[in-house]
Amino acid sequence: MRRKRILAGAILLTLGCGQGGERSPAEQGQRIYVANCTACHNPNPVLDGTLGPAVAGSSRALIEARLLRAEYPPGYTPKRPTQQMVVMPYLEPYIDVLAAYLAEP
């Protein structure tokens, strides 16, 4: 339980306001991505990571399915045959901002 609180606190700090005011959803998503996804995925989501594939352009449905259930949405063909991704339910409130970041070119 303590670990979840620490993670939630770190996420909230990551989303804090910058010098110019509030961050856009894509900027918030970038911070969440860097803090939680780059251990496996490339810091540049257009490129493949050490364990995870490139994720730029991922749909919200794919992001939700992977983060919350370690599944794929119906009809999706995985880029890699591995099953290494772990469930990250603490990121549920941030799926929309992650989708906004990954939708950017």
PDB file of N, CA and C in Angstrom:
ATOM      1  N   MET A   1       0.827  -1.196   0.000  1.00  0.00           N
ATOM      2  CA  MET A   1       0.000   0.000   0.000  1.00  0.00           C
ATOM      3  C   MET A   1       0.872   1.260   0.000  1.00  0.00           C
ATOM      4  N   ARG A   2       1.943   1.226   0.774  1.00  0.00           N
ATOM      5  CA  ARG A   2       2.832   2.389   0.852  1.00  0.00           C
ATOM      6  C   ARG A   2       3.466   2.660  -0.512  1.00  0.00           C
ATOM      7  N   ARG A   3       3.847   1.596  -1.214  1.00  0.00           N
ATOM      8  CA  ARG A   3       4.457   1.754  -2.537  1.00  0.00           C
ATOM      9  C   ARG A   3       3.483   2.428  -3.505  1.00  0.00           C
ATOM     10  N   LYS A   4       2.201   2.040  -3.449  1.00  0.00           N
ATOM     11  CA  LYS A   4       1.203   2.659  -4.324  1.00  0.00           C
ATOM     12  C   LYS A   4       1.063   4.145  -4.029  1.00  0.00           C
ATOM     13  N   ARG A   5       1.107   4.520  -2.751  1.00  0.00           N
ATOM     14  CA  ARG A   5       1.015   5.936  -2.385  1.00  0.00           C
ATOM     15  C   ARG A   5       2.226   6.702  -2.894  1.00  0.00           C
ATOM     16  N   ILE A   6       3.399   6.094  -2.782  1.00  0.00           N
ATOM     17  CA  ILE A   6       4.615   6.746  -3.273  1.00  0.00           C
ATOM     18  C   ILE A   6       4.536   6.925  -4.784  1.00  0.00           C
ATOM     19  N   LEU A   7       4.093   5.887  -5.499  1.00  0.00           N
ATOM     20  CA  LEU A   7       3.949   5.989  -6.948  1.00  0.00           C
ATOM     21  C   LEU A   7       2.926   7.053  -7.326  1.00  0.00           C
ATOM     22  N   ALA A   8       1.811   7.076  -6.636  1.00  0.00           N
ATOM     23  CA  ALA A   8       0.782   8.080  -6.924  1.00  0.00           C
ATOM     24  C   ALA A   8       1.319   9.488  -6.668  1.00  0.00           C
ATOM     25  N   GLY A   9       2.066   9.660  -5.594  1.00  0.00           N
ATOM     26  CA  GLY A   9       2.665  10.960  -5.293  1.00  0.00           C
ATOM     27  C   GLY A   9       3.664  11.377  -6.348  1.00  0.00           C
ATOM     28  N   ALA A  10       4.479  10.435  -6.794  1.00  0.00           N
ATOM     29  CA  ALA A  10       5.462  10.735  -7.835  1.00  0.00           C
ATOM     30  C   ALA A  10       4.769  11.133  -9.136  1.00  0.00           C
ATOM     31  N   ILE A  11       3.685  10.460  -9.451  1.00  0.00           N
ATOM     32  CA  ILE A  11       2.939  10.785 -10.667  1.00  0.00           C
ATOM     33  C   ILE A  11       2.356  12.189 -10.554  1.00  0.00           C
ATOM     34  N   LEU A  12       1.787  12.517  -9.421  1.00  0.00           N
ATOM     35  CA  LEU A  12       1.209  13.852  -9.244  1.00  0.00           C
ATOM     36  C   LEU A  12       2.274  14.939  -9.333  1.00  0.00           C
ATOM     37  N   LEU A  13       3.438  14.701  -8.751  1.00  0.00           N
ATOM     38  CA  LEU A  13       4.532  15.660  -8.862  1.00  0.00           C
ATOM     39  C   LEU A  13       4.971  15.810 -10.306  1.00  0.00           C
ATOM     40  N   THR A  14       4.995  14.718 -11.026  1.00  0.00           N
ATOM     41  CA  THR A  14       5.389  14.730 -12.426  1.00  0.00           C
ATOM     42  C   THR A  14       4.436  15.581 -13.254  1.00  0.00           C
ATOM     43  N   LEU A  15       3.179  15.607 -12.878  1.00  0.00           N
ATOM     44  CA  LEU A  15       2.174  16.358 -13.636  1.00  0.00           C
ATOM     45  C   LEU A  15       2.073  17.816 -13.232  1.00  0.00           C
ATOM     46  N   GLY A  16       2.862  18.251 -12.279  1.00  0.00           N
ATOM     47  CA  GLY A  16       2.771  19.609 -11.761  1.00  0.00           C
ATOM     48  C   GLY A  16       2.875  20.681 -12.829  1.00  0.00           C
ATOM     49  N   CYS A  17       2.556  21.866 -12.438  1.00  0.00           N
ATOM     50  CA  CYS A  17       2.584  22.995 -13.358  1.00  0.00           C
ATOM     51  C   CYS A  17       4.013  23.409 -13.651  1.00  0.00           C
ATOM     52  N   GLY A  18       4.248  23.845 -14.854  1.00  0.00           N
ATOM     53  CA  GLY A  18       5.545  24.384 -15.244  1.00  0.00           C
ATOM     54  C   GLY A  18       5.558  25.877 -15.028  1.00  0.00           C
ATOM     55  N   GLN A  19       6.625  26.518 -15.451  1.00  0.00           N
ATOM     56  CA  GLN A  19       6.754  27.951 -15.254  1.00  0.00           C
ATOM     57  C   GLN A  19       5.704  28.727 -16.029  1.00  0.00           C
ATOM     58  N   GLY A  20       5.265  28.199 -17.157  1.00  0.00           N
ATOM     59  CA  GLY A  20       4.310  28.914 -17.981  1.00  0.00           C
ATOM     60  C   GLY A  20       2.865  28.590 -17.678  1.00  0.00           C
ATOM     61  N   GLY A  21       2.573  27.865 -16.627  1.00  0.00           N
ATOM     62  CA  GLY A  21       1.201  27.497 -16.304  1.00  0.00           C
ATOM     63  C   GLY A  21       1.000  25.998 -16.412  1.00  0.00           C
ATOM     64  N   GLU A  22      -0.248  25.604 -16.623  1.00  0.00           N
ATOM     65  CA  GLU A  22      -0.555  24.180 -16.682  1.00  0.00           C
ATOM     66  C   GLU A  22      -0.007  23.550 -17.953  1.00  0.00           C
ATOM     67  N   ARG A  23       0.278  22.254 -17.857  1.00  0.00           N
ATOM     68  CA  ARG A  23       0.803  21.506 -18.992  1.00  0.00           C
ATOM     69  C   ARG A  23      -0.358  20.969 -19.836  1.00  0.00           C
ATOM     70  N   SER A  24      -0.104  20.843 -21.125  1.00  0.00           N
ATOM     71  CA  SER A  24      -1.107  20.266 -22.020  1.00  0.00           C
ATOM     72  C   SER A  24      -1.221  18.769 -21.727  1.00  0.00           C
ATOM     73  N   PRO A  25      -2.309  18.130 -22.164  1.00  0.00           N
ATOM     74  CA  PRO A  25      -2.417  16.678 -21.978  1.00  0.00           C
ATOM     75  C   PRO A  25      -1.228  15.919 -22.573  1.00  0.00           C
ATOM     76  N   ALA A  26      -0.756  16.329 -23.753  1.00  0.00           N
ATOM     77  CA  ALA A  26       0.382  15.643 -24.371  1.00  0.00           C
ATOM     78  C   ALA A  26       1.648  15.811 -23.530  1.00  0.00           C
ATOM     79  N   GLU A  27       1.847  16.993 -22.960  1.00  0.00           N
ATOM     80  CA  GLU A  27       3.018  17.214 -22.093  1.00  0.00           C
ATOM     81  C   GLU A  27       2.912  16.365 -20.825  1.00  0.00           C
ATOM     82  N   GLN A  28       1.722  16.279 -20.261  1.00  0.00           N
ATOM     83  CA  GLN A  28       1.519  15.429 -19.088  1.00  0.00           C
ATOM     84  C   GLN A  28       1.790  13.969 -19.451  1.00  0.00           C
ATOM     85  N   GLY A  29       1.278  13.554 -20.614  1.00  0.00           N
ATOM     86  CA  GLY A  29       1.489  12.185 -21.070  1.00  0.00           C
ATOM     87  C   GLY A  29       2.953  11.864 -21.287  1.00  0.00           C
ATOM     88  N   GLN A  30       3.704  12.828 -21.803  1.00  0.00           N
ATOM     89  CA  GLN A  30       5.140  12.618 -21.997  1.00  0.00           C
ATOM     90  C   GLN A  30       5.831  12.364 -20.660  1.00  0.00           C
ATOM     91  N   ARG A  31       5.466  13.119 -19.647  1.00  0.00           N
ATOM     92  CA  ARG A  31       6.071  12.935 -18.325  1.00  0.00           C
ATOM     93  C   ARG A  31       5.720  11.564 -17.735  1.00  0.00           C
ATOM     94  N   ILE A  32       4.474  11.149 -17.909  1.00  0.00           N
ATOM     95  CA  ILE A  32       4.061   9.835 -17.426  1.00  0.00           C
ATOM     96  C   ILE A  32       4.813   8.746 -18.190  1.00  0.00           C
ATOM     97  N   TYR A  33       4.914   8.908 -19.503  1.00  0.00           N
ATOM     98  CA  TYR A  33       5.614   7.939 -20.349  1.00  0.00           C
ATOM     99  C   TYR A  33       7.075   7.804 -19.917  1.00  0.00           C
ATOM    100  N   VAL A  34       7.761   8.918 -19.769  1.00  0.00           N
ATOM    101  CA  VAL A  34       9.179   8.885 -19.393  1.00  0.00           C
ATOM    102  C   VAL A  34       9.354   8.222 -18.031  1.00  0.00           C
ATOM    103  N   ALA A  35       8.491   8.547 -17.098  1.00  0.00           N
ATOM    104  CA  ALA A  35       8.621   8.023 -15.736  1.00  0.00           C
ATOM    105  C   ALA A  35       8.249   6.542 -15.618  1.00  0.00           C
ATOM    106  N   ASN A  36       7.402   6.040 -16.496  1.00  0.00           N
ATOM    107  CA  ASN A  36       6.871   4.688 -16.311  1.00  0.00           C
ATOM    108  C   ASN A  36       7.143   3.706 -17.445  1.00  0.00           C
ATOM    109  N   CYS A  37       7.433   4.186 -18.624  1.00  0.00           N
ATOM    110  CA  CYS A  37       7.479   3.296 -19.784  1.00  0.00           C
ATOM    111  C   CYS A  37       8.870   3.098 -20.377  1.00  0.00           C
ATOM    112  N   THR A  38       9.767   4.022 -20.105  1.00  0.00           N
ATOM    113  CA  THR A  38      11.063   3.981 -20.781  1.00  0.00           C
ATOM    114  C   THR A  38      12.019   2.926 -20.245  1.00  0.00           C
ATOM    115  N   ALA A  39      11.664   2.230 -19.200  1.00  0.00           N
ATOM    116  CA  ALA A  39      12.499   1.108 -18.766  1.00  0.00           C
ATOM    117  C   ALA A  39      12.475   0.006 -19.822  1.00  0.00           C
ATOM    118  N   CYS A  40      11.383  -0.084 -20.564  1.00  0.00           N
ATOM    119  CA  CYS A  40      11.248  -1.120 -21.602  1.00  0.00           C
ATOM    120  C   CYS A  40      11.128  -0.526 -23.001  1.00  0.00           C
ATOM    121  N   HIS A  41      10.409   0.586 -23.111  1.00  0.00           N
ATOM    122  CA  HIS A  41      10.197   1.242 -24.401  1.00  0.00           C
ATOM    123  C   HIS A  41      11.216   2.364 -24.567  1.00  0.00           C
ATOM    124  N   ASN A  42      11.533   2.680 -25.782  1.00  0.00           N
ATOM    125  CA  ASN A  42      12.506   3.730 -26.083  1.00  0.00           C
ATOM    126  C   ASN A  42      11.994   5.079 -25.576  1.00  0.00           C
ATOM    127  N   PRO A  43      12.875   5.947 -25.062  1.00  0.00           N
ATOM    128  CA  PRO A  43      12.435   7.298 -24.690  1.00  0.00           C
ATOM    129  C   PRO A  43      11.784   8.035 -25.858  1.00  0.00           C
ATOM    130  N   ASN A  44      12.183   7.695 -27.075  1.00  0.00           N
ATOM    131  CA  ASN A  44      11.523   8.214 -28.265  1.00  0.00           C
ATOM    132  C   ASN A  44      10.508   7.155 -28.699  1.00  0.00           C
ATOM    133  N   PRO A  45       9.206   7.392 -28.493  1.00  0.00           N
ATOM    134  CA  PRO A  45       8.214   6.351 -28.747  1.00  0.00           C
ATOM    135  C   PRO A  45       8.093   5.913 -30.202  1.00  0.00           C
ATOM    136  N   VAL A  46       8.767   6.601 -31.106  1.00  0.00           N
ATOM    137  CA  VAL A  46       8.767   6.209 -32.514  1.00  0.00           C
ATOM    138  C   VAL A  46       9.704   5.020 -32.739  1.00  0.00           C
ATOM    139  N   LEU A  47      10.656   4.843 -31.825  1.00  0.00           N
ATOM    140  CA  LEU A  47      11.675   3.802 -31.967  1.00  0.00           C
ATOM    141  C   LEU A  47      11.396   2.616 -31.055  1.00  0.00           C
ATOM    142  N   ASP A  48      11.853   1.434 -31.462  1.00  0.00           N
ATOM    143  CA  ASP A  48      11.765   0.246 -30.615  1.00  0.00           C
ATOM    144  C   ASP A  48      12.641   0.426 -29.381  1.00  0.00           C
ATOM    145  N   GLY A  49      12.191  -0.140 -28.268  1.00  0.00           N
ATOM    146  CA  GLY A  49      12.963  -0.119 -27.041  1.00  0.00           C
ATOM    147  C   GLY A  49      13.715  -1.414 -26.843  1.00  0.00           C
ATOM    148  N   THR A  50      14.362  -1.539 -25.699  1.00  0.00           N
ATOM    149  CA  THR A  50      15.129  -2.740 -25.409  1.00  0.00           C
ATOM    150  C   THR A  50      14.232  -3.961 -25.288  1.00  0.00           C
ATOM    151  N   LEU A  51      13.075  -3.802 -24.690  1.00  0.00           N
ATOM    152  CA  LEU A  51      12.124  -4.906 -24.536  1.00  0.00           C
ATOM    153  C   LEU A  51      10.821  -4.673 -25.285  1.00  0.00           C
ATOM    154  N   GLY A  52      10.370  -3.434 -25.287  1.00  0.00           N
ATOM    155  CA  GLY A  52       9.075  -3.116 -25.883  1.00  0.00           C
ATOM    156  C   GLY A  52       9.209  -2.472 -27.251  1.00  0.00           C
ATOM    157  N   PRO A  53       8.198  -2.650 -28.078  1.00  0.00           N
ATOM    158  CA  PRO A  53       8.239  -2.073 -29.422  1.00  0.00           C
ATOM    159  C   PRO A  53       7.971  -0.567 -29.407  1.00  0.00           C
ATOM    160  N   ALA A  54       8.128   0.048 -30.555  1.00  0.00           N
ATOM    161  CA  ALA A  54       7.736   1.444 -30.724  1.00  0.00           C
ATOM    162  C   ALA A  54       6.240   1.557 -30.417  1.00  0.00           C
ATOM    163  N   VAL A  55       5.847   2.613 -29.744  1.00  0.00           N
ATOM    164  CA  VAL A  55       4.449   2.751 -29.333  1.00  0.00           C
ATOM    165  C   VAL A  55       3.788   4.029 -29.847  1.00  0.00           C
ATOM    166  N   ALA A  56       4.516   4.831 -30.614  1.00  0.00           N
ATOM    167  CA  ALA A  56       3.920   6.042 -31.183  1.00  0.00           C
ATOM    168  C   ALA A  56       2.724   5.655 -32.036  1.00  0.00           C
ATOM    169  N   GLY A  57       1.659   6.409 -31.902  1.00  0.00           N
ATOM    170  CA  GLY A  57       0.448   6.139 -32.675  1.00  0.00           C
ATOM    171  C   GLY A  57      -0.470   5.103 -32.061  1.00  0.00           C
ATOM    172  N   SER A  58      -0.124   4.592 -30.882  1.00  0.00           N
ATOM    173  CA  SER A  58      -0.981   3.597 -30.226  1.00  0.00           C
ATOM    174  C   SER A  58      -2.348   4.197 -29.902  1.00  0.00           C
ATOM    175  N   SER A  59      -3.375   3.424 -30.142  1.00  0.00           N
ATOM    176  CA  SER A  59      -4.731   3.893 -29.853  1.00  0.00           C
ATOM    177  C   SER A  59      -4.984   3.876 -28.354  1.00  0.00           C
ATOM    178  N   ARG A  60      -5.984   4.634 -27.937  1.00  0.00           N
ATOM    179  CA  ARG A  60      -6.363   4.642 -26.524  1.00  0.00           C
ATOM    180  C   ARG A  60      -6.771   3.234 -26.096  1.00  0.00           C
ATOM    181  N   ALA A  61      -7.489   2.522 -26.971  1.00  0.00           N
ATOM    182  CA  ALA A  61      -7.938   1.163 -26.645  1.00  0.00           C
ATOM    183  C   ALA A  61      -6.755   0.238 -26.403  1.00  0.00           C
ATOM    184  N   LEU A  62      -5.709   0.369 -27.200  1.00  0.00           N
ATOM    185  CA  LEU A  62      -4.515  -0.455 -27.014  1.00  0.00           C
ATOM    186  C   LEU A  62      -3.813  -0.097 -25.709  1.00  0.00           C
ATOM    187  N   ILE A  63      -3.662   1.185 -25.452  1.00  0.00           N
ATOM    188  CA  ILE A  63      -2.997   1.628 -24.217  1.00  0.00           C
ATOM    189  C   ILE A  63      -3.753   1.108 -23.002  1.00  0.00           C
ATOM    190  N   GLU A  64      -5.061   1.252 -23.005  1.00  0.00           N
ATOM    191  CA  GLU A  64      -5.874   0.782 -21.888  1.00  0.00           C
ATOM    192  C   GLU A  64      -5.762  -0.736 -21.707  1.00  0.00           C
ATOM    193  N   ALA A  65      -5.891  -1.475 -22.785  1.00  0.00           N
ATOM    194  CA  ALA A  65      -5.830  -2.940 -22.700  1.00  0.00           C
ATOM    195  C   ALA A  65      -4.473  -3.412 -22.178  1.00  0.00           C
ATOM    196  N   ARG A  66      -3.403  -2.802 -22.658  1.00  0.00           N
ATOM    197  CA  ARG A  66      -2.065  -3.216 -22.238  1.00  0.00           C
ATOM    198  C   ARG A  66      -1.794  -2.835 -20.788  1.00  0.00           C
ATOM    199  N   LEU A  67      -2.129  -1.605 -20.403  1.00  0.00           N
ATOM    200  CA  LEU A  67      -1.826  -1.148 -19.041  1.00  0.00           C
ATOM    201  C   LEU A  67      -2.691  -1.809 -17.974  1.00  0.00           C
ATOM    202  N   LEU A  68      -3.959  -1.991 -18.267  1.00  0.00           N
ATOM    203  CA  LEU A  68      -4.875  -2.471 -17.227  1.00  0.00           C
ATOM    204  C   LEU A  68      -5.052  -3.985 -17.200  1.00  0.00           C
ATOM    205  N   ARG A  69      -4.852  -4.648 -18.359  1.00  0.00           N
ATOM    206  CA  ARG A  69      -5.119  -6.091 -18.407  1.00  0.00           C
ATOM    207  C   ARG A  69      -4.002  -6.910 -19.055  1.00  0.00           C
ATOM    208  N   ALA A  70      -2.945  -6.244 -19.537  1.00  0.00           N
ATOM    209  CA  ALA A  70      -1.862  -6.917 -20.270  1.00  0.00           C
ATOM    210  C   ALA A  70      -2.430  -7.748 -21.425  1.00  0.00           C
ATOM    211  N   GLU A  71      -3.454  -7.201 -22.060  1.00  0.00           N
ATOM    212  CA  GLU A  71      -4.109  -7.844 -23.200  1.00  0.00           C
ATOM    213  C   GLU A  71      -4.011  -6.921 -24.406  1.00  0.00           C
ATOM    214  N   TYR A  72      -4.556  -7.381 -25.518  1.00  0.00           N
ATOM    215  CA  TYR A  72      -4.666  -6.572 -26.720  1.00  0.00           C
ATOM    216  C   TYR A  72      -6.135  -6.377 -27.030  1.00  0.00           C
ATOM    217  N   PRO A  73      -6.497  -5.247 -27.634  1.00  0.00           N
ATOM    218  CA  PRO A  73      -7.897  -5.067 -28.024  1.00  0.00           C
ATOM    219  C   PRO A  73      -8.259  -6.055 -29.129  1.00  0.00           C
ATOM    220  N   PRO A  74      -9.537  -6.366 -29.278  1.00  0.00           N
ATOM    221  CA  PRO A  74      -9.969  -7.311 -30.324  1.00  0.00           C
ATOM    222  C   PRO A  74      -9.471  -6.886 -31.700  1.00  0.00           C
ATOM    223  N   GLY A  75      -8.933  -7.855 -32.429  1.00  0.00           N
ATOM    224  CA  GLY A  75      -8.480  -7.607 -33.786  1.00  0.00           C
ATOM    225  C   GLY A  75      -7.085  -7.022 -33.912  1.00  0.00           C
ATOM    226  N   TYR A  76      -6.434  -6.712 -32.790  1.00  0.00           N
ATOM    227  CA  TYR A  76      -5.091  -6.126 -32.851  1.00  0.00           C
ATOM    228  C   TYR A  76      -4.043  -7.226 -33.019  1.00  0.00           C
ATOM    229  N   THR A  77      -3.091  -7.013 -33.906  1.00  0.00           N
ATOM    230  CA  THR A  77      -1.988  -7.953 -34.102  1.00  0.00           C
ATOM    231  C   THR A  77      -0.760  -7.388 -33.391  1.00  0.00           C
ATOM    232  N   PRO A  78      -0.250  -8.083 -32.371  1.00  0.00           N
ATOM    233  CA  PRO A  78       0.918  -7.582 -31.634  1.00  0.00           C
ATOM    234  C   PRO A  78       2.143  -7.430 -32.527  1.00  0.00           C
ATOM    235  N   LYS A  79       2.975  -6.441 -32.197  1.00  0.00           N
ATOM    236  CA  LYS A  79       4.215  -6.214 -32.932  1.00  0.00           C
ATOM    237  C   LYS A  79       5.277  -7.241 -32.560  1.00  0.00           C
ATOM    238  N   ARG A  80       5.203  -7.753 -31.339  1.00  0.00           N
ATOM    239  CA  ARG A  80       6.157  -8.755 -30.856  1.00  0.00           C
ATOM    240  C   ARG A  80       5.371  -9.881 -30.190  1.00  0.00           C
ATOM    241  N   PRO A  81       5.873 -11.107 -30.260  1.00  0.00           N
ATOM    242  CA  PRO A  81       5.144 -12.235 -29.684  1.00  0.00           C
ATOM    243  C   PRO A  81       5.341 -12.419 -28.171  1.00  0.00           C
ATOM    244  N   THR A  82       6.114 -11.562 -27.534  1.00  0.00           N
ATOM    245  CA  THR A  82       6.401 -11.735 -26.111  1.00  0.00           C
ATOM    246  C   THR A  82       5.216 -11.332 -25.239  1.00  0.00           C
ATOM    247  N   GLN A  83       5.232 -11.797 -24.017  1.00  0.00           N
ATOM    248  CA  GLN A  83       4.197 -11.461 -23.039  1.00  0.00           C
ATOM    249  C   GLN A  83       4.835 -10.855 -21.788  1.00  0.00           C
ATOM    250  N   GLN A  84       5.795  -9.951 -21.977  1.00  0.00           N
ATOM    251  CA  GLN A  84       6.563  -9.411 -20.863  1.00  0.00           C
ATOM    252  C   GLN A  84       5.926  -8.208 -20.175  1.00  0.00           C
ATOM    253  N   MET A  85       5.003  -7.551 -20.810  1.00  0.00           N
ATOM    254  CA  MET A  85       4.427  -6.345 -20.223  1.00  0.00           C
ATOM    255  C   MET A  85       3.632  -6.695 -18.977  1.00  0.00           C
ATOM    256  N   VAL A  86       3.856  -5.908 -17.939  1.00  0.00           N
ATOM    257  CA  VAL A  86       3.143  -6.106 -16.683  1.00  0.00           C
ATOM    258  C   VAL A  86       1.956  -5.152 -16.606  1.00  0.00           C
ATOM    259  N   VAL A  87       0.982  -5.504 -15.821  1.00  0.00           N
ATOM    260  CA  VAL A  87      -0.191  -4.664 -15.607  1.00  0.00           C
ATOM    261  C   VAL A  87       0.214  -3.471 -14.735  1.00  0.00           C
ATOM    262  N   MET A  88      -0.264  -2.293 -15.085  1.00  0.00           N
ATOM    263  CA  MET A  88       0.034  -1.072 -14.338  1.00  0.00           C
ATOM    264  C   MET A  88      -1.262  -0.319 -14.034  1.00  0.00           C
ATOM    265  N   PRO A  89      -2.103  -0.868 -13.162  1.00  0.00           N
ATOM    266  CA  PRO A  89      -3.409  -0.256 -12.913  1.00  0.00           C
ATOM    267  C   PRO A  89      -3.332   1.148 -12.314  1.00  0.00           C
ATOM    268  N   TYR A  90      -2.231   1.486 -11.674  1.00  0.00           N
ATOM    269  CA  TYR A  90      -2.087   2.824 -11.095  1.00  0.00           C
ATOM    270  C   TYR A  90      -2.020   3.912 -12.168  1.00  0.00           C
ATOM    271  N   LEU A  91      -1.828   3.517 -13.430  1.00  0.00           N
ATOM    272  CA  LEU A  91      -1.802   4.487 -14.527  1.00  0.00           C
ATOM    273  C   LEU A  91      -3.175   4.711 -15.165  1.00  0.00           C
ATOM    274  N   GLU A  92      -4.195   4.039 -14.655  1.00  0.00           N
ATOM    275  CA  GLU A  92      -5.539   4.186 -15.238  1.00  0.00           C
ATOM    276  C   GLU A  92      -5.978   5.650 -15.373  1.00  0.00           C
ATOM    277  N   PRO A  93      -5.756   6.509 -14.372  1.00  0.00           N
ATOM    278  CA  PRO A  93      -6.197   7.900 -14.530  1.00  0.00           C
ATOM    279  C   PRO A  93      -5.435   8.671 -15.615  1.00  0.00           C
ATOM    280  N   TYR A  94      -4.365   8.113 -16.139  1.00  0.00           N
ATOM    281  CA  TYR A  94      -3.499   8.828 -17.072  1.00  0.00           C
ATOM    282  C   TYR A  94      -3.546   8.264 -18.487  1.00  0.00           C
ATOM    283  N   ILE A  95      -4.466   7.365 -18.754  1.00  0.00           N
ATOM    284  CA  ILE A  95      -4.554   6.759 -20.081  1.00  0.00           C
ATOM    285  C   ILE A  95      -4.816   7.828 -21.145  1.00  0.00           C
ATOM    286  N   ASP A  96      -5.690   8.777 -20.870  1.00  0.00           N
ATOM    287  CA  ASP A  96      -6.000   9.812 -21.864  1.00  0.00           C
ATOM    288  C   ASP A  96      -4.786  10.683 -22.179  1.00  0.00           C
ATOM    289  N   VAL A  97      -4.001  11.055 -21.166  1.00  0.00           N
ATOM    290  CA  VAL A  97      -2.830  11.900 -21.434  1.00  0.00           C
ATOM    291  C   VAL A  97      -1.733  11.096 -22.133  1.00  0.00           C
ATOM    292  N   LEU A  98      -1.597   9.816 -21.801  1.00  0.00           N
ATOM    293  CA  LEU A  98      -0.648   8.965 -22.531  1.00  0.00           C
ATOM    294  C   LEU A  98      -1.057   8.855 -23.995  1.00  0.00           C
ATOM    295  N   ALA A  99      -2.347   8.665 -24.234  1.00  0.00           N
ATOM    296  CA  ALA A  99      -2.853   8.577 -25.610  1.00  0.00           C
ATOM    297  C   ALA A  99      -2.602   9.889 -26.353  1.00  0.00           C
ATOM    298  N   ALA A 100      -2.773  11.017 -25.675  1.00  0.00           N
ATOM    299  CA  ALA A 100      -2.518  12.328 -26.303  1.00  0.00           C
ATOM    300  C   ALA A 100      -1.046  12.450 -26.677  1.00  0.00           C
ATOM    301  N   TYR A 101      -0.163  12.025 -25.795  1.00  0.00           N
ATOM    302  CA  TYR A 101       1.272  12.099 -26.099  1.00  0.00           C
ATOM    303  C   TYR A 101       1.658  11.163 -27.235  1.00  0.00           C
ATOM    304  N   LEU A 102       1.194   9.931 -27.190  1.00  0.00           N
ATOM    305  CA  LEU A 102       1.584   8.951 -28.203  1.00  0.00           C
ATOM    306  C   LEU A 102       0.935   9.235 -29.564  1.00  0.00           C
ATOM    307  N   ALA A 103      -0.117  10.032 -29.591  1.00  0.00           N
ATOM    308  CA  ALA A 103      -0.770  10.391 -30.860  1.00  0.00           C
ATOM    309  C   ALA A 103       0.012  11.448 -31.611  1.00  0.00           C
ATOM    310  N   GLU A 104       0.879  12.190 -30.914  1.00  0.00           N
ATOM    311  CA  GLU A 104       1.649  13.241 -31.565  1.00  0.00           C
ATOM    312  C   GLU A 104       2.718  12.632 -32.463  1.00  0.00           C
ATOM    313  N   PRO A 105       3.002  13.287 -33.593  1.00  0.00           N
ATOM    314  CA  PRO A 105       4.033  12.768 -34.509  1.00  0.00           C
ATOM    315  C   PRO A 105       5.428  12.867 -33.917  1.00  0.00           C
TER     316      PRO A 105
END
